[in-house]
C-alpha atoms as a PDB file:
ATOM      1  CA  MET A   1      85.958-113.806 157.525  1.00  0.00           C
ATOM      2  CA  PRO A   2      84.028-114.887 160.622  1.00  0.00           C
ATOM      3  CA  ILE A   3      83.638-112.504 163.547  1.00  0.00           C
ATOM      4  CA  ILE A   4      86.097-113.411 166.304  1.00  0.00           C
ATOM      5  CA  ASN A   5      85.700-112.209 169.888  1.00  0.00           C
ATOM      6  CA  GLN A   6      89.024-112.800 171.624  1.00  0.00           C
ATOM      7  CA  ASN A   7      87.700-111.837 175.077  1.00  0.00           C
ATOM      8  CA  SER A   8      84.910-114.402 175.136  1.00  0.00           C
ATOM      9  CA  LYS A   9      86.772-116.928 172.956  1.00  0.00           C
ATOM     10  CA  GLN A  10      83.900-117.018 170.526  1.00  0.00           C
ATOM     11  CA  VAL A  11      83.722-117.174 166.746  1.00  0.00           C
ATOM     12  CA  CYS A  12      80.565-116.275 164.806  1.00  0.00           C
ATOM     13  CA  PHE A  13      79.954-117.794 161.383  1.00  0.00           C
ATOM     14  CA  ARG A  14      77.294-116.207 159.180  1.00  0.00           C
ATOM     15  CA  ILE A  15      75.223-118.195 156.687  1.00  0.00           C
ATOM     16  CA  MET A  16      72.974-116.643 154.065  1.00  0.00           C
ATOM     17  CA  TYR A  17      70.059-118.526 152.511  1.00  0.00           C
ATOM     18  CA  TYR A  18      69.993-117.159 148.981  1.00  0.00           C
ATOM     19  CA  GLY A  19      67.696-117.754 146.028  1.00  0.00           C
ATOM     20  CA  LEU A  20      64.638-116.744 144.056  1.00  0.00           C
ATOM     21  CA  PRO A  21      61.317-115.599 145.552  1.00  0.00           C
ATOM     22  CA  LEU A  22      59.300-118.582 146.808  1.00  0.00           C
ATOM     23  CA  SER A  23      62.245-120.921 146.304  1.00  0.00           C
ATOM     24  CA  GLY A  24      62.163-122.101 149.914  1.00  0.00           C
ATOM     25  CA  ARG A  25      64.659-119.778 151.589  1.00  0.00           C
ATOM     26  CA  THR A  26      62.438-118.808 154.505  1.00  0.00           C
ATOM     27  CA  SER A  27      61.116-122.366 154.908  1.00  0.00           C
ATOM     28  CA  SER A  28      64.686-123.639 155.098  1.00  0.00           C
ATOM     29  CA  LEU A  29      65.565-121.114 157.791  1.00  0.00           C
ATOM     30  CA  GLU A  30      62.441-121.982 159.799  1.00  0.00           C
ATOM     31  CA  ILE A  31      63.198-125.704 159.628  1.00  0.00           C
ATOM     32  CA  ILE A  32      66.770-125.232 160.831  1.00  0.00           C
ATOM     33  CA  HIS A  33      65.475-122.937 163.591  1.00  0.00           C
ATOM     34  CA  LYS A  34      63.212-125.720 164.882  1.00  0.00           C
ATOM     35  CA  LYS A  35      65.973-128.317 164.723  1.00  0.00           C
ATOM     36  CA  VAL A  36      68.434-126.247 166.784  1.00  0.00           C
ATOM     37  CA  SER A  37      65.824-124.730 169.122  1.00  0.00           C
ATOM     38  CA  ASN A  38      67.647-126.020 172.229  1.00  0.00           C
ATOM     39  CA  TYR A  39      70.652-123.873 171.327  1.00  0.00           C
ATOM     40  CA  VAL A  40      68.914-120.753 169.997  1.00  0.00           C
ATOM     41  CA  CYS A  41      69.968-117.484 171.607  1.00  0.00           C
ATOM     42  CA  LYS A  42      67.751-115.268 169.448  1.00  0.00           C
ATOM     43  CA  GLU A  43      64.311-116.057 168.084  1.00  0.00           C
ATOM     44  CA  LEU A  44      63.462-115.506 164.439  1.00  0.00           C
ATOM     45  CA  THR A  45      63.439-111.763 163.972  1.00  0.00           C
ATOM     46  CA  HIS A  46      64.163-109.007 161.450  1.00  0.00           C
ATOM     47  CA  GLU A  47      67.084-106.643 161.270  1.00  0.00           C
ATOM     48  CA  ILE A  48      67.966-103.916 158.788  1.00  0.00           C
ATOM     49  CA  ILE A  49      71.379-104.794 157.375  1.00  0.00           C
ATOM     50  CA  THR A  50      71.343-102.738 154.209  1.00  0.00           C
ATOM     51  CA  LYS A  51      69.603 -99.445 153.520  1.00  0.00           C
ATOM     52  CA  HIS A  52      66.907-101.011 151.338  1.00  0.00           C
ATOM     53  CA  ARG A  53      65.570-104.039 153.182  1.00  0.00           C
ATOM     54  CA  ASP A  54      65.485-105.940 156.441  1.00  0.00           C
ATOM     55  CA  TYR A  55      66.448-109.578 156.835  1.00  0.00           C
ATOM     56  CA  LEU A  56      64.912-112.510 158.703  1.00  0.00           C
ATOM     57  CA  TYR A  57      67.534-114.159 160.909  1.00  0.00           C
ATOM     58  CA  PHE A  58      68.338-115.989 164.130  1.00  0.00           C
ATOM     59  CA  GLU A  59      71.434-116.991 166.089  1.00  0.00           C
ATOM     60  CA  PHE A  60      72.382-120.106 168.010  1.00  0.00           C
ATOM     61  CA  ILE A  61      75.314-121.443 169.995  1.00  0.00           C
ATOM     62  CA  SER A  62      76.666-124.745 168.715  1.00  0.00           C
ATOM     63  CA  PRO A  63      77.129-127.571 171.250  1.00  0.00           C
ATOM     64  CA  ASN A  64      80.486-128.174 169.553  1.00  0.00           C
ATOM     65  CA  LYS A  65      83.679-126.187 169.960  1.00  0.00           C
ATOM     66  CA  ILE A  66      86.844-125.592 167.938  1.00  0.00           C
ATOM     67  CA  ASN A  67      89.536-126.360 170.497  1.00  0.00           C
ATOM     68  CA  ASP A  68      88.300-124.143 173.370  1.00  0.00           C
ATOM     69  CA  ILE A  69      86.521-121.635 171.119  1.00  0.00           C
ATOM     70  CA  THR A  70      82.716-121.376 171.343  1.00  0.00           C
ATOM     71  CA  ILE A  71      80.972-121.420 167.959  1.00  0.00           C
ATOM     72  CA  LYS A  72      78.007-119.169 167.233  1.00  0.00           C
ATOM     73  CA  TYR A  73      76.049-119.250 163.994  1.00  0.00           C
ATOM     74  CA  ARG A  74      73.978-116.442 162.546  1.00  0.00           C
ATOM     75  CA  LEU A  75      71.581-117.576 159.817  1.00  0.00           C
ATOM     76  CA  PHE A  76      69.617-115.172 157.669  1.00  0.00           C
ATOM     77  CA  VAL A  77      67.533-114.978 154.515  1.00  0.00           C
ATOM     78  CA  SER A  78      68.450-112.550 151.791  1.00  0.00           C
ATOM     79  CA  PRO A  79      65.485-110.702 150.298  1.00  0.00           C
ATOM     80  CA  SER A  80      65.135-110.981 146.572  1.00  0.00           C
ATOM     81  CA  PHE A  81      64.643-108.208 144.070  1.00  0.00           C
ATOM     82  CA  HIS A  82      61.225-109.279 142.825  1.00  0.00           C
ATOM     83  CA  SER A  83      59.701-109.713 146.290  1.00  0.00           C
ATOM     84  CA  CYS A  84      60.513-106.125 147.192  1.00  0.00           C
ATOM     85  CA  PHE A  85      57.784-104.788 144.913  1.00  0.00           C
ATOM     86  CA  ALA A  86      55.197-107.040 146.550  1.00  0.00           C
ATOM     87  CA  CYS A  87      56.150-105.541 149.902  1.00  0.00           C
ATOM     88  CA  GLY A  88      55.820-101.983 148.642  1.00  0.00           C
ATOM     89  CA  HIS A  89      59.553-101.290 148.511  1.00  0.00           C
ATOM     90  CA  HIS A  90      60.405 -99.527 145.265  1.00  0.00           C
ATOM     91  CA  MET A  91      63.841-100.952 144.641  1.00  0.00           C
ATOM     92  CA  THR A  92      65.723-100.661 141.416  1.00  0.00           C
ATOM     93  CA  LEU A  93      67.910-103.425 140.080  1.00  0.00           C
ATOM     94  CA  ASP A  94      70.927-101.316 141.026  1.00  0.00           C
ATOM     95  CA  ASP A  95      69.596-101.157 144.605  1.00  0.00           C
ATOM     96  CA  HIS A  96      69.324-104.940 144.671  1.00  0.00           C
ATOM     97  CA  ILE A  97      72.841-105.414 143.317  1.00  0.00           C
ATOM     98  CA  SER A  98      74.098-102.928 145.916  1.00  0.00           C
ATOM     99  CA  ASP A  99      72.446-105.001 148.649  1.00  0.00           C
ATOM    100  CA  ILE A 100      74.055-108.218 147.414  1.00  0.00           C
ATOM    101  CA  ASP A 101      77.406-106.437 147.333  1.00  0.00           C
ATOM    102  CA  ALA A 102      76.968-105.341 150.963  1.00  0.00           C
ATOM    103  CA  ILE A 103      75.751-108.765 152.065  1.00  0.00           C
ATOM    104  CA  LEU A 104      78.778-110.584 150.665  1.00  0.00           C
ATOM    105  CA  ASP A 105      80.928-108.664 153.149  1.00  0.00           C
ATOM    106  CA  ARG A 106      78.804-110.102 155.964  1.00  0.00           C
ATOM    107  CA  VAL A 107      78.628-113.810 155.123  1.00  0.00           C
ATOM    108  CA  ASP A 108      80.983-116.742 155.513  1.00  0.00           C
ATOM    109  CA  GLY A 109      78.842-119.358 153.790  1.00  0.00           C
ATOM    110  CA  ILE A 110      75.962-119.344 151.294  1.00  0.00           C
ATOM    111  CA  ILE A 111      73.253-121.949 150.886  1.00  0.00           C
ATOM    112  CA  PHE A 112      71.789-121.410 147.432  1.00  0.00           C
ATOM    113  CA  ILE A 113      68.167-122.570 147.302  1.00  0.00           C
ATOM    114  CA  VAL A 114      67.364-123.618 143.749  1.00  0.00           C
ATOM    115  CA  ASP A 115      63.687-123.866 142.800  1.00  0.00           C
ATOM    116  CA  SER A 116      63.539-127.104 140.798  1.00  0.00           C
ATOM    117  CA  GLN A 117      60.476-126.115 138.781  1.00  0.00           C
ATOM    118  CA  LYS A 118      61.097-125.954 135.046  1.00  0.00           C
ATOM    119  CA  PRO A 119      59.960-122.328 134.456  1.00  0.00           C
ATOM    120  CA  THR A 120      62.500-121.043 136.997  1.00  0.00           C
ATOM    121  CA  LEU A 121      65.617-122.650 135.516  1.00  0.00           C
ATOM    122  CA  GLU A 122      66.894-119.550 133.717  1.00  0.00           C
ATOM    123  CA  ASP A 123      66.138-117.332 136.721  1.00  0.00           C
ATOM    124  CA  ASN A 124      68.100-119.692 138.967  1.00  0.00           C
ATOM    125  CA  ILE A 125      71.044-119.438 136.588  1.00  0.00           C
ATOM    126  CA  GLY A 126      70.668-115.650 136.650  1.00  0.00           C
ATOM    127  CA  ALA A 127      70.725-115.606 140.471  1.00  0.00           C
ATOM    128  CA  LEU A 128      73.988-117.551 140.476  1.00  0.00           C
ATOM    129  CA  ASN A 129      75.448-115.275 137.796  1.00  0.00           C
ATOM    130  CA  LEU A 130      74.588-112.263 139.950  1.00  0.00           C
ATOM    131  CA  LEU A 131      76.673-113.724 142.785  1.00  0.00           C
ATOM    132  CA  LYS A 132      79.462-114.339 140.296  1.00  0.00           C
ATOM    133  CA  ASP A 133      79.354-110.783 138.903  1.00  0.00           C
ATOM    134  CA  VAL A 134      79.221-109.086 142.298  1.00  0.00           C
ATOM    135  CA  SER A 135      82.060-111.256 143.585  1.00  0.00           C
ATOM    136  CA  HIS A 136      84.161-110.343 140.545  1.00  0.00           C
ATOM    137  CA  LYS A 137      83.612-106.624 141.161  1.00  0.00           C
ATOM    138  CA  LYS A 138      84.843-107.133 144.721  1.00  0.00           C
ATOM    139  CA  GLY A 139      88.034-108.730 143.428  1.00  0.00           C
ATOM    140  CA  LEU A 140      86.863-112.235 144.301  1.00  0.00           C
ATOM    141  CA  SER A 141      86.132-115.332 142.293  1.00  0.00           C
ATOM    142  CA  ILE A 142      82.883-117.171 142.905  1.00  0.00           C
ATOM    143  CA  GLU A 143      85.108-120.125 143.726  1.00  0.00           C
ATOM    144  CA  ASP A 144      86.203-118.142 146.805  1.00  0.00           C
ATOM    145  CA  LEU A 145      82.674-118.334 148.222  1.00  0.00           C
ATOM    146  CA  LEU A 146      81.746-121.233 150.474  1.00  0.00           C
ATOM    147  CA  LEU A 147      78.697-122.436 148.591  1.00  0.00           C
ATOM    148  CA  VAL A 148      76.271-125.309 149.155  1.00  0.00           C
ATOM    149  CA  ILE A 149      73.279-125.927 146.870  1.00  0.00           C
ATOM    150  CA  GLN A 150      69.810-127.207 147.740  1.00  0.00           C
ATOM    151  CA  TRP A 151      67.799-128.592 144.837  1.00  0.00           C
ATOM    152  CA  ASN A 152      64.458-127.719 146.416  1.00  0.00           C
ATOM    153  CA  LYS A 153      60.870-128.817 145.696  1.00  0.00           C
ATOM    154  CA  ARG A 154      61.884-132.342 144.776  1.00  0.00           C
ATOM    155  CA  ASP A 155      58.501-133.540 146.085  1.00  0.00           C
ATOM    156  CA  LEU A 156      56.664-132.066 143.078  1.00  0.00           C
ATOM    157  CA  GLU A 157      55.497-134.135 140.123  1.00  0.00           C
ATOM    158  CA  ASP A 158      58.351-135.291 137.888  1.00  0.00           C
ATOM    159  CA  GLU A 159      56.945-133.578 134.801  1.00  0.00           C
ATOM    160  CA  SER A 160      56.995-130.171 136.528  1.00  0.00           C
ATOM    161  CA  ILE A 161      60.590-130.194 137.781  1.00  0.00           C
ATOM    162  CA  VAL A 162      64.018-130.303 136.169  1.00  0.00           C
ATOM    163  CA  ASP A 163      65.879-133.552 136.715  1.00  0.00           C
ATOM    164  CA  VAL A 164      68.864-133.335 139.037  1.00  0.00           C
ATOM    165  CA  GLU A 165      71.350-134.347 136.349  1.00  0.00           C
ATOM    166  CA  LYS A 166      70.388-131.310 134.255  1.00  0.00           C
ATOM    167  CA  LEU A 167      70.490-129.011 137.295  1.00  0.00           C
ATOM    168  CA  GLU A 168      73.991-130.233 138.033  1.00  0.00           C
ATOM    169  CA  ARG A 169      75.076-129.506 134.452  1.00  0.00           C
ATOM    170  CA  GLU A 170      73.388-126.113 134.112  1.00  0.00           C
ATOM    171  CA  ILE A 171      73.976-124.659 137.588  1.00  0.00           C
ATOM    172  CA  ASN A 172      76.510-126.642 139.598  1.00  0.00           C
ATOM    173  CA  TYR A 173      79.445-126.176 137.243  1.00  0.00           C
ATOM    174  CA  LEU A 174      81.536-125.403 140.352  1.00  0.00           C
ATOM    175  CA  SER A 175      80.926-128.951 141.624  1.00  0.00           C
ATOM    176  CA  VAL A 176      80.040-127.721 145.116  1.00  0.00           C
ATOM    177  CA  PRO A 177      78.147-129.966 147.556  1.00  0.00           C
ATOM    178  CA  SER A 178      74.492-130.270 146.556  1.00  0.00           C
ATOM    179  CA  TYR A 179      71.447-131.874 148.154  1.00  0.00           C
ATOM    180  CA  GLU A 180      67.928-132.719 147.064  1.00  0.00           C
ATOM    181  CA  THR A 181      65.512-131.034 149.480  1.00  0.00           C
ATOM    182  CA  THR A 182      61.830-130.673 150.250  1.00  0.00           C
ATOM    183  CA  ALA A 183      60.692-127.583 152.143  1.00  0.00           C
ATOM    184  CA  VAL A 184      57.416-129.209 153.200  1.00  0.00           C
ATOM    185  CA  THR A 185      59.107-131.981 155.186  1.00  0.00           C
ATOM    186  CA  GLY A 186      62.593-130.542 155.640  1.00  0.00           C
ATOM    187  CA  GLU A 187      64.149-133.543 153.926  1.00  0.00           C
ATOM    188  CA  GLY A 188      67.778-132.922 152.954  1.00  0.00           C
ATOM    189  CA  MET A 189      68.028-129.515 154.619  1.00  0.00           C
ATOM    190  CA  ILE A 190      69.908-130.610 157.727  1.00  0.00           C
ATOM    191  CA  PRO A 191      72.654-132.393 155.701  1.00  0.00           C
ATOM    192  CA  ALA A 192      73.048-129.256 153.543  1.00  0.00           C
ATOM    193  CA  PHE A 193      73.292-127.062 156.624  1.00  0.00           C
ATOM    194  CA  LYS A 194      75.811-129.376 158.298  1.00  0.00           C
ATOM    195  CA  LYS A 195      77.967-129.402 155.172  1.00  0.00           C
ATOM    196  CA  CYS A 196      78.010-125.584 155.094  1.00  0.00           C
ATOM    197  CA  MET A 197      79.058-125.529 158.763  1.00  0.00           C
ATOM    198  CA  GLU A 198      81.791-128.047 158.044  1.00  0.00           C
ATOM    199  CA  LEU A 199      83.187-126.006 155.144  1.00  0.00           C
ATOM    200  CA  MET A 200      83.291-122.821 157.235  1.00  0.00           C
ATOM    201  CA  GLU A 201      84.906-124.478 160.229  1.00  0.00           C
ATOM    202  CA  ASP A 202      87.523-126.178 158.049  1.00  0.00           C
ATOM    203  CA  ARG A 203      88.444-122.878 156.404  1.00  0.00           C
ATOM    204  CA  PHE A 204      88.638-121.163 159.806  1.00  0.00           C
ATOM    205  CA  ILE A 205      90.945-123.871 161.161  1.00  0.00           C
ATOM    206  CA  ASP A 206      93.142-123.685 158.046  1.00  0.00           C
ATOM    207  CA  CYS A 207      93.524-119.934 158.579  1.00  0.00           C
END
C-alpha cells in the first residue's frame, strides 16, 4: 500500500525498476529523472533499504493531484544478485531472496526491465519466477503485483535479440502492459512509466 500522510494530504507511491544486471534499470531511472527534473525533490542518491545493499533512487512531486491529495513518487533501482559480487559484496542467493522479500513490502508498482538479447532469455524468465516465488511465500499471487514490462534494447541488431512475439509468449503470460524500449534514447520508457503511475493511482482510488 502507498504511504499516506493525512496531515499534509500527501500520498507516496513507490516504483521499483527490477531486472537483470545491465538490463537497463539504472538507465531507465536516469531517463525518467531527467524528464521530471522540474518536479524533483531529491536528486539521484543512494539509501540502504535492506541489510545487504543500498539502492539508487529519487523522489518527485507530481503536478497532478488525486482530488486534493498531493502525489509523490519514489523511484528506485533494485540491485541484482550477480552485480553484488562485482561490487565486492559477498551475498548468497538466500541474501538476495531475503532482499527481494523485504523490497516487496516497500513497493506499489514494479517496472520489469527485460534484456531482449537472446542469451538472457532464460535469466529473464528466472527473474520473473523469483518475484513469483517470493510473492507466494508472502501469501500473495504475482497477479497481485502492479507490473509493467519494458522490452529493452530493441535498438540492437535483429539477429541478436528475441522477437517481441516470443517475449510475450515466454515472459508476459500475465498479459500486463508491455512496451518496447531503448535505453540509449529513452524511447518507450515514458509511456511505460506513465502506465505504472496510472495503475497505482487507479488501485489507490478503488481502495
